[in-house]
Each structure stands twice: as structure tokens, then as C-alpha cells.
Amino acid sequence: MAHRVIISGGGTGGHIFPAIAIANALKNISPDIEILFVGANGKMEMDRVPAAGYEIVGLDIAGINRQSPLKNISLPFKMIKSLWKARKVLKDFKAEAAVGVGGYASGPLLMMANMMGLPTVIQEQNSYAGVTNKKLGAKAKKICVAYEGMEKFFPSDRVLLTGNPIRKSSVAIEGKREEAIHAFGLDHEKRTLLVTGGSLGALTLNDSIKSGISELVEAGIQVIWQCGSYYYEKLQAELGESLPESIKLMPFLERMDYAYAAADVIVARAGAGTISELCVIAKPVVLVPSPNVADDHQTKNADALVQKDAALMVKDSVARESLVPTVLNLFQDVSKQKQLSENINKLALADADEVIAKEVLRLIEK
């Protein structure tokens, strides 16, 4: 009989991509497996998961609103309602195991799976575990982590260093530099900077690059600048005709593999999924952690790389003044570029999705 697994979580691309990667790996290993996703109503997983070919059920759950505490009054009711719905989903689907990848929905779903005695697996993407995952970890059969030293958050006998599942298509850059340079309309002779603020974009990165355009052009550096669809029209209106030919401004990147292949140096936020891709890409990186995340976990992610001399970090608060000078210095320091590339590549774990999928199946068969 086919095995049945529920995968829960989402909220951001950083949670959704790993969830889909795990589902795909489960399908590859066990083609007749039945997989159901559980997400949070109104969040991007409700669109992204069906687009990847999987069925999803939504829970009416939200996070704590720190800006307006009054909006939190309904949270306990939403939590109870979500727990009951999670119980019904687990029973109706006859789930044999539940996997949580982080995000609002994984809390109630994994809590209920634990209460029902089902084996649960947590995929903790960051170097600093959030409150929900720490609680869920006490009863989880396995906690799959991407960083060393996670025993400080979870029972050490159940921690497994797997890395984060990544989008294989994004990191397949071998031999693609020439076609990537051509696709972006760049100059083969010039060095290329890739700036990516994630699918939503990042205001700090956009401001920093905007104010440093002339310095970058003067240094002979061309830029692939993924600014996010939210900021694109405003930036286009502001820069308009004055935007140099060598600066390619775009709302998002359809072909992440081309962007990575064309880049000599990369500037990015320090989300767990991004870092996992960057380790495999093995290019010199300057990380600007987002300050707008729970427990400041992006700074902790970036710091884990800085400690190993595998990336440079510029704090968000000083990026507008310091980011472009840091990038220009790095472009001039070839030995530093080489050192960063070699060290970040040592942290690469490319087959996390398969390792996690095998662990889930092993727990079911046990």
C-alpha cells in the first residue's frame, strides 16, 4: 500500500521551496507515495504548491502581530480551530508521518500529529531555532538541520545535519556563463555583480545600489539588479533614462541559474534558503541580513558564515553607506574572492532533499 505523508508550512519562498523539494524527492524514491500539503490560508503556499502539482489544504492561522497587539485577540480561537482542522485532515488523509518546514501552519499540524502519536520530522532551516520549532522538537522523531551546533535547541540524539533542500534548477550553472551573459545583454569583458533581495525585494539593498550606481559604473562593474516587483516601477520612474546600459534592473529573476552563472560577486539577504544555494554556487558573497525577521535569525545565519571566513557581512543599518564600498574592495581583492569561494563551498550540502525524504520513509517503515 502506498505511504501517505503530510508536509506543512510556508509563508515565504524560503519555506515553500524546501517543502516542494522534499515532496519531489519522496516521489522520486517512492513513486506511488500520496502527499498532501497543509498551509495557511491567504499565504503564498496556497498558490505555489498547486502550481508545483500538489494538493494543499489551508488552516485559518496567523502569526503574532507585533505592530498592533489588538489584532492578536482572535489568535487563541484561530489556534484551537486550526488544531481541530489539523486533526481532521490527519485522520481523513490517514497520514503515516508529518513533516514541518516552518511557517504558521506547521505549528498546529505538527502539534496535533505529535498528540496522535504519528512520527514527525522538523526541517529547521536557520542557525537559530524559532520558538515553535523548539517546542515541536521535544517530541519530533527527527530534526533535520542546516547548521552545526543545533544541539543547543534540540535533543542531540535526534538532530541530523542534512542542509537545506534547494532548487536544483537554480544551482545548475555549469558551463552557462556565456549564454547567461548574452541572455542579460551584458558585456563578456566586464565583471558582474548580482544583487538579489529575494522574491519581494529589499529596500535597503535597492537604496544602497541606487546611491552607488556611478561608483560601480566607474569601476567597470555591470550589475544584475533584482529589486523585487514591489519596488520596480518606482525605481524605473526615478532612474528612467539615466540608468546606465550596464545596470540591468528587473523585478524578479525567471532564470536564477543564469543570474548565478553570470555573477562574479553576489550581494544578497541572509535567508536560509538563499545561503544554502550560495554554498553550492561557491561565488564570493556579501550578505546584508534583514532586520525584519523573528529573533534576528538572518544575522545569526550570516554570522555562521563570517566565522568560517565564507562570506562578508554588512549590517542593514550601515548598508546605505558601506555596501557599495565593501563590494568595490572585494572586486579589487582577488585572493579574498578565492578564499571566500573555497570556504563557502566547504559548507555545501547539495542532496538535503533526498536525505530528508529517506529519513521520513525510514520512520514510516519503522
Protein backbone atom coordinates (compact mmCIF):
# COMPACT_ATOMS: atom_id res chain seq x y z
CA MET A 1 0.00 0.00 0.00
CA ALA A 2 1.22 3.50 -0.85
CA HIS A 3 2.63 5.55 2.02
CA ARG A 4 0.88 8.78 2.98
CA VAL A 5 2.78 11.89 4.13
CA ILE A 6 1.66 15.39 5.06
CA ILE A 7 4.04 18.35 4.59
CA SER A 8 3.13 21.55 6.41
CA GLY A 9 4.34 25.14 6.49
CA GLY A 10 5.09 28.03 4.18
CA GLY A 11 4.58 31.77 4.38
CA THR A 12 7.69 32.64 2.34
CA GLY A 13 9.55 31.18 -0.62
CA GLY A 14 12.25 30.18 1.87
CA HIS A 15 9.82 27.67 3.42
CA ILE A 16 7.91 26.67 0.29
CA PHE A 17 10.86 25.73 -1.97
CA PRO A 18 12.31 23.24 0.56
CA ALA A 19 8.84 21.75 1.16
CA ILE A 20 8.31 21.14 -2.55
CA ALA A 21 11.88 19.79 -2.91
CA ILE A 22 11.21 17.23 -0.13
CA ALA A 23 7.91 16.23 -1.80
CA ASN A 24 9.67 15.77 -5.16
CA ALA A 25 12.39 13.65 -3.53
CA LEU A 26 9.76 11.46 -1.81
CA LYS A 27 8.08 10.94 -5.22
CA ASN A 28 11.41 10.04 -6.85
CA ILE A 29 12.21 7.42 -4.21
CA SER A 30 8.65 6.10 -3.81
CA PRO A 31 6.62 6.99 -6.95
CA ASP A 32 3.26 5.77 -5.60
CA ILE A 33 3.50 7.83 -2.37
CA GLU A 34 0.50 10.06 -1.51
CA ILE A 35 1.46 13.61 -0.44
CA LEU A 36 -0.80 16.33 0.96
CA PHE A 37 0.35 19.85 1.88
CA VAL A 38 -1.12 21.92 4.70
CA GLY A 39 -0.61 25.70 4.56
CA ALA A 40 -2.01 28.92 6.00
CA ASN A 41 -4.98 30.49 4.20
CA GLY A 42 -4.02 33.68 2.35
CA LYS A 43 -0.30 32.83 2.23
CA MET A 44 1.72 32.23 -0.94
CA GLU A 45 1.87 28.44 -0.48
CA MET A 46 -1.85 28.27 -1.37
CA ASP A 47 -0.85 29.24 -4.95
CA ARG A 48 2.72 27.95 -5.21
CA VAL A 49 2.06 24.37 -4.07
CA PRO A 50 -0.77 23.62 -6.58
CA ALA A 51 1.43 25.19 -9.29
CA ALA A 52 4.05 22.54 -8.40
CA GLY A 53 1.42 19.81 -8.86
CA TYR A 54 0.44 19.04 -5.26
CA GLU A 55 -2.83 19.30 -3.36
CA ILE A 56 -2.98 21.71 -0.39
CA VAL A 57 -5.42 22.32 2.47
CA GLY A 58 -5.45 25.71 4.26
CA LEU A 59 -5.65 26.38 8.00
CA ASP A 60 -7.03 29.68 9.29
CA ILE A 61 -3.91 30.54 11.28
CA ALA A 62 -1.75 33.68 11.59
CA GLY A 63 1.33 34.83 13.46
CA ILE A 64 1.56 37.27 16.35
CA ASN A 65 1.07 40.86 15.18
CA ARG A 66 3.73 42.90 16.99
CA GLN A 67 2.67 46.21 15.39
CA SER A 68 -0.96 46.18 16.57
CA PRO A 69 -1.45 43.86 19.59
CA LEU A 70 -5.26 44.24 19.43
CA LYS A 71 -5.27 42.09 16.31
CA ASN A 72 -3.94 39.20 18.43
CA ILE A 73 -7.19 38.81 20.39
CA SER A 74 -8.52 36.24 17.91
CA LEU A 75 -5.28 34.19 17.89
CA PRO A 76 -6.21 31.64 20.60
CA PHE A 77 -9.51 30.91 18.78
CA LYS A 78 -7.71 30.55 15.46
CA MET A 79 -5.23 28.19 17.10
CA ILE A 80 -7.99 25.95 18.56
CA LYS A 81 -9.86 25.94 15.23
CA SER A 82 -6.62 25.08 13.37
CA LEU A 83 -5.80 22.23 15.78
CA TRP A 84 -9.25 20.69 15.23
CA LYS A 85 -8.96 21.06 11.45
CA ALA A 86 -5.41 19.60 11.55
CA ARG A 87 -6.76 16.57 13.47
CA LYS A 88 -9.49 16.05 10.87
CA VAL A 89 -7.02 16.40 7.96
CA LEU A 90 -4.57 13.91 9.53
CA LYS A 91 -7.37 11.38 10.18
CA ASP A 92 -9.14 11.78 6.82
CA PHE A 93 -5.89 11.55 4.87
CA LYS A 94 -4.74 8.58 7.03
CA ALA A 95 -1.29 10.20 7.32
CA GLU A 96 1.59 7.99 8.43
CA ALA A 97 4.04 10.85 9.06
CA ALA A 98 4.08 14.68 9.13
CA VAL A 99 6.90 16.99 8.06
CA GLY A 100 7.08 20.63 9.21
CA VAL A 101 9.20 23.14 7.31
CA GLY A 102 8.39 26.25 9.36
CA GLY A 103 5.72 28.89 8.83
CA TYR A 104 2.37 29.34 10.59
CA ALA A 105 0.67 26.10 9.52
CA SER A 106 3.40 23.74 10.69
CA GLY A 107 2.71 24.59 14.37
CA PRO A 108 -0.84 23.25 14.77
CA LEU A 109 -0.34 20.43 12.25
CA LEU A 110 2.77 19.00 13.95
CA MET A 111 1.36 19.57 17.44
CA MET A 112 -1.70 17.50 16.54
CA ALA A 113 0.39 14.83 14.78
CA ASN A 114 2.50 14.53 17.96
CA MET A 115 -0.66 14.23 20.09
CA MET A 116 -1.93 11.46 17.79
CA GLY A 117 1.37 9.57 18.08
CA LEU A 118 2.41 9.99 14.44
CA PRO A 119 6.13 10.28 13.65
CA THR A 120 7.03 13.93 12.93
CA VAL A 121 10.07 15.44 11.22
CA ILE A 122 11.11 19.08 11.54
CA GLN A 123 13.18 20.76 8.88
CA GLU A 124 14.89 23.67 10.69
CA GLN A 125 16.41 25.95 8.07
CA ASN A 126 18.09 28.59 10.20
CA SER A 127 21.10 28.64 12.52
CA TYR A 128 18.77 29.86 15.28
CA ALA A 129 15.64 27.83 16.03
CA GLY A 130 12.36 29.70 16.49
CA VAL A 131 10.04 29.27 19.49
CA THR A 132 7.56 26.98 17.69
CA ASN A 133 10.20 24.60 16.36
CA LYS A 134 11.92 24.39 19.76
CA LYS A 135 8.60 23.26 21.30
CA LEU A 136 7.82 20.84 18.47
CA GLY A 137 11.38 19.47 18.60
CA ALA A 138 10.80 17.99 22.05
CA LYS A 139 8.50 15.33 20.51
CA ALA A 140 9.80 15.14 16.93
CA LYS A 141 11.41 11.87 15.85
CA LYS A 142 13.99 13.73 13.73
CA ILE A 143 15.13 17.33 13.43
CA CYS A 144 16.89 17.92 10.10
CA VAL A 145 19.17 20.97 10.39
CA ALA A 146 21.36 23.06 8.09
CA TYR A 147 23.92 24.29 10.62
CA GLU A 148 26.28 22.68 13.10
CA GLY A 149 25.71 23.17 16.85
CA MET A 150 21.90 22.93 16.76
CA GLU A 151 22.00 20.59 19.79
CA LYS A 152 21.62 23.73 21.90
CA PHE A 153 17.99 23.93 20.71
CA PHE A 154 17.02 20.27 20.23
CA PRO A 155 17.58 16.80 21.76
CA SER A 156 21.03 15.89 20.40
CA ASP A 157 20.19 12.23 19.65
CA ARG A 158 17.53 13.33 17.14
CA VAL A 159 19.43 16.08 15.31
CA LEU A 160 20.56 15.24 11.77
CA LEU A 161 22.77 17.62 9.74
CA THR A 162 21.24 17.49 6.25
CA GLY A 163 21.50 21.04 4.91
CA ASN A 164 18.52 22.83 3.38
CA PRO A 165 16.76 21.44 0.30
CA ILE A 166 17.48 23.74 -2.62
CA ARG A 167 16.05 24.36 -6.07
CA LYS A 168 18.28 22.13 -8.18
CA SER A 169 17.40 24.07 -11.34
CA SER A 170 18.70 27.32 -9.75
CA VAL A 171 22.15 25.96 -8.92
CA ALA A 172 22.76 24.10 -12.19
CA ILE A 173 25.20 26.74 -13.53
CA GLU A 174 27.97 24.59 -15.01
CA GLY A 175 29.01 25.88 -18.45
CA LYS A 176 26.24 28.51 -18.60
CA ARG A 177 28.22 31.74 -18.16
CA GLU A 178 28.39 32.70 -21.85
CA GLU A 179 24.68 32.13 -22.54
CA ALA A 180 23.78 33.88 -19.25
CA ILE A 181 25.82 36.99 -20.14
CA HIS A 182 24.15 37.00 -23.56
CA ALA A 183 20.64 36.49 -22.08
CA PHE A 184 21.03 39.57 -19.82
CA GLY A 185 22.58 41.64 -22.63
CA LEU A 186 25.80 42.10 -20.67
CA ASP A 187 29.41 42.64 -21.76
CA HIS A 188 31.60 39.48 -21.80
CA GLU A 189 34.69 41.54 -20.90
CA LYS A 190 33.28 43.19 -17.78
CA ARG A 191 32.94 41.80 -14.25
CA THR A 192 29.39 41.26 -13.00
CA LEU A 193 27.69 41.95 -9.66
CA LEU A 194 24.41 40.19 -8.85
CA VAL A 195 22.17 41.93 -6.30
CA THR A 196 19.15 39.97 -5.11
CA GLY A 197 16.72 40.95 -2.38
CA GLY A 198 14.60 37.81 -2.67
CA SER A 199 11.21 37.50 -4.35
CA LEU A 200 9.81 40.56 -2.53
CA GLY A 201 12.92 42.73 -2.91
CA ALA A 202 14.72 44.65 -0.15
CA LEU A 203 14.52 48.43 0.29
CA THR A 204 17.97 48.72 1.91
CA LEU A 205 19.68 46.89 -0.95
CA ASN A 206 17.80 48.99 -3.51
CA ASP A 207 18.73 52.28 -1.80
CA SER A 208 22.37 51.18 -1.46
CA ILE A 209 22.74 50.25 -5.13
CA LYS A 210 20.81 53.32 -6.31
CA SER A 211 23.18 55.66 -4.48
CA GLY A 212 26.27 53.73 -5.67
CA ILE A 213 25.48 53.44 -9.40
CA SER A 214 28.10 55.95 -10.53
CA GLU A 215 30.88 54.31 -8.46
CA LEU A 216 30.02 50.87 -9.86
CA VAL A 217 29.95 52.14 -13.45
CA GLU A 218 33.23 54.00 -12.92
CA ALA A 219 34.85 50.78 -11.64
CA GLY A 220 33.74 49.00 -14.84
CA ILE A 221 31.31 46.71 -12.99
CA GLN A 222 28.00 45.71 -14.58
CA VAL A 223 25.02 44.81 -12.37
CA ILE A 224 22.12 42.34 -12.49
CA TRP A 225 19.82 44.11 -10.02
CA GLN A 226 16.78 42.13 -8.91
CA CYS A 227 14.85 44.80 -6.98
CA GLY A 228 11.52 42.99 -6.30
CA SER A 229 8.21 43.62 -8.07
CA TYR A 230 7.05 45.87 -5.21
CA TYR A 231 9.86 48.40 -5.89
CA TYR A 232 10.35 48.01 -9.64
CA GLU A 233 8.01 50.68 -11.05
CA LYS A 234 9.08 53.32 -8.52
CA LEU A 235 12.78 52.70 -9.26
CA GLN A 236 12.17 52.75 -13.00
CA ALA A 237 10.32 56.06 -12.69
CA GLU A 238 13.10 57.55 -10.53
CA LEU A 239 16.04 56.36 -12.62
CA GLY A 240 14.39 56.22 -16.03
CA GLU A 241 16.65 57.36 -18.87
CA SER A 242 19.58 58.00 -16.51
CA LEU A 243 20.01 54.26 -15.79
CA PRO A 244 23.26 53.18 -17.47
CA GLU A 245 23.18 50.36 -20.04
CA SER A 246 25.40 48.24 -17.78
CA ILE A 247 22.86 48.22 -14.91
CA LYS A 248 20.09 45.67 -15.58
CA LEU A 249 17.15 46.48 -13.30
CA MET A 250 14.47 43.76 -13.08
CA PRO A 251 11.54 42.96 -10.76
CA PHE A 252 12.42 39.28 -10.40
CA LEU A 253 14.65 36.67 -12.00
CA GLU A 254 12.97 33.96 -14.07
CA ARG A 255 16.28 32.14 -14.54
CA MET A 256 18.15 32.14 -11.23
CA ASP A 257 20.70 29.74 -12.77
CA TYR A 258 21.62 32.40 -15.37
CA ALA A 259 21.93 35.10 -12.69
CA TYR A 260 24.24 32.90 -10.59
CA ALA A 261 26.23 31.79 -13.66
CA ALA A 262 26.84 35.37 -14.84
CA ALA A 263 27.86 36.72 -11.41
CA ASP A 264 31.43 37.23 -10.21
CA VAL A 265 30.31 38.63 -6.83
CA ILE A 266 26.85 38.33 -5.20
CA VAL A 267 25.03 40.63 -2.75
CA ALA A 268 22.04 39.01 -1.01
CA ARG A 269 19.91 38.83 2.11
CA ALA A 270 20.78 36.02 4.53
CA GLY A 271 17.69 33.83 4.39
CA ALA A 272 18.44 30.16 4.99
CA GLY A 273 17.38 29.01 1.51
CA THR A 274 19.45 31.68 -0.22
CA ILE A 275 22.53 30.77 1.83
CA SER A 276 22.13 27.07 1.01
CA GLU A 277 22.08 27.91 -2.71
CA LEU A 278 25.07 30.24 -2.35
CA CYS A 279 27.13 27.48 -0.69
CA VAL A 280 26.61 25.27 -3.76
CA ILE A 281 27.21 28.16 -6.22
CA ALA A 282 30.54 28.91 -4.50
CA LYS A 283 30.93 32.56 -5.53
CA PRO A 284 32.17 35.39 -3.26
CA VAL A 285 29.22 36.77 -1.31
CA VAL A 286 28.37 39.90 0.68
CA LEU A 287 25.39 39.26 2.97
CA VAL A 288 23.10 42.03 4.26
CA PRO A 289 20.83 40.33 6.83
CA SER A 290 17.24 41.57 7.02
CA PRO A 291 16.48 43.06 10.46
CA ASN A 292 12.72 42.45 9.95
CA VAL A 293 12.70 38.75 10.85
CA ALA A 294 11.97 36.78 14.03
CA ASP A 295 14.85 36.53 16.55
CA ASP A 296 17.12 38.39 14.09
CA HIS A 297 17.86 34.93 12.64
CA GLN A 298 19.31 36.26 9.36
CA THR A 299 22.16 37.95 11.25
CA LYS A 300 22.84 34.64 13.01
CA ASN A 301 22.78 32.81 9.64
CA ALA A 302 25.25 35.30 8.14
CA ASP A 303 27.45 35.23 11.24
CA ALA A 304 27.78 31.44 10.97
CA LEU A 305 29.42 32.00 7.54
CA VAL A 306 31.51 35.01 8.59
CA GLN A 307 33.01 32.92 11.45
CA LYS A 308 34.26 30.43 8.84
CA ASP A 309 35.55 33.20 6.54
CA ALA A 310 32.98 32.06 3.97
CA ALA A 311 31.19 35.40 3.41
CA LEU A 312 31.38 39.12 4.20
CA MET A 313 28.58 40.77 6.15
CA VAL A 314 27.34 44.36 6.06
CA LYS A 315 24.74 45.27 8.68
CA ASP A 316 21.45 46.61 7.30
CA SER A 317 21.77 49.78 9.42
CA VAL A 318 25.02 50.83 7.69
CA ALA A 319 24.47 49.30 4.24
CA ARG A 320 23.46 52.57 2.55
CA GLU A 321 26.93 53.98 3.27
CA SER A 322 29.04 50.80 3.40
CA LEU A 323 27.67 48.22 0.97
CA VAL A 324 28.99 49.57 -2.34
CA PRO A 325 32.49 50.41 -0.91
CA THR A 326 32.65 46.86 0.54
CA VAL A 327 31.71 45.39 -2.86
CA LEU A 328 34.27 47.53 -4.70
CA ASN A 329 37.03 46.49 -2.27
CA LEU A 330 36.10 42.84 -2.78
CA PHE A 331 36.26 43.20 -6.58
CA GLN A 332 39.81 44.55 -6.18
CA ASP A 333 40.92 41.75 -3.84
CA VAL A 334 41.21 38.61 -5.99
CA SER A 335 42.78 36.48 -3.24
CA LYS A 336 39.90 37.36 -0.85
CA GLN A 337 37.39 36.36 -3.56
CA LYS A 338 39.15 33.00 -3.98
CA GLN A 339 39.24 32.40 -0.21
CA LEU A 340 35.52 33.21 0.24
CA SER A 341 34.56 30.95 -2.70
CA GLU A 342 36.57 27.99 -1.38
CA ASN A 343 35.30 28.36 2.20
CA ILE A 344 31.60 28.78 1.34
CA ASN A 345 31.77 25.73 -0.92
CA LYS A 346 33.01 23.60 2.01
CA LEU A 347 29.61 24.22 3.65
CA ALA A 348 27.61 22.98 0.64
CA LEU A 349 25.17 20.11 1.20
CA ALA A 350 23.54 19.53 -2.17
CA ASP A 351 21.33 16.45 -1.60
CA ALA A 352 19.40 17.54 1.51
CA ASP A 353 16.02 16.79 -0.10
CA GLU A 354 16.93 13.11 -0.68
CA VAL A 355 18.46 12.66 2.79
CA ILE A 356 15.32 14.09 4.45
CA ALA A 357 12.97 12.07 2.22
CA LYS A 358 14.81 8.82 3.07
CA GLU A 359 14.59 9.70 6.78
CA VAL A 360 10.80 10.22 6.53
CA LEU A 361 10.32 6.87 4.76
CA ARG A 362 12.60 5.13 7.28
CA LEU A 363 10.44 6.44 10.16
CA ILE A 364 7.23 5.22 8.48
CA GLU A 365 8.65 1.76 7.80
CA LYS A 366 9.98 1.53 11.36
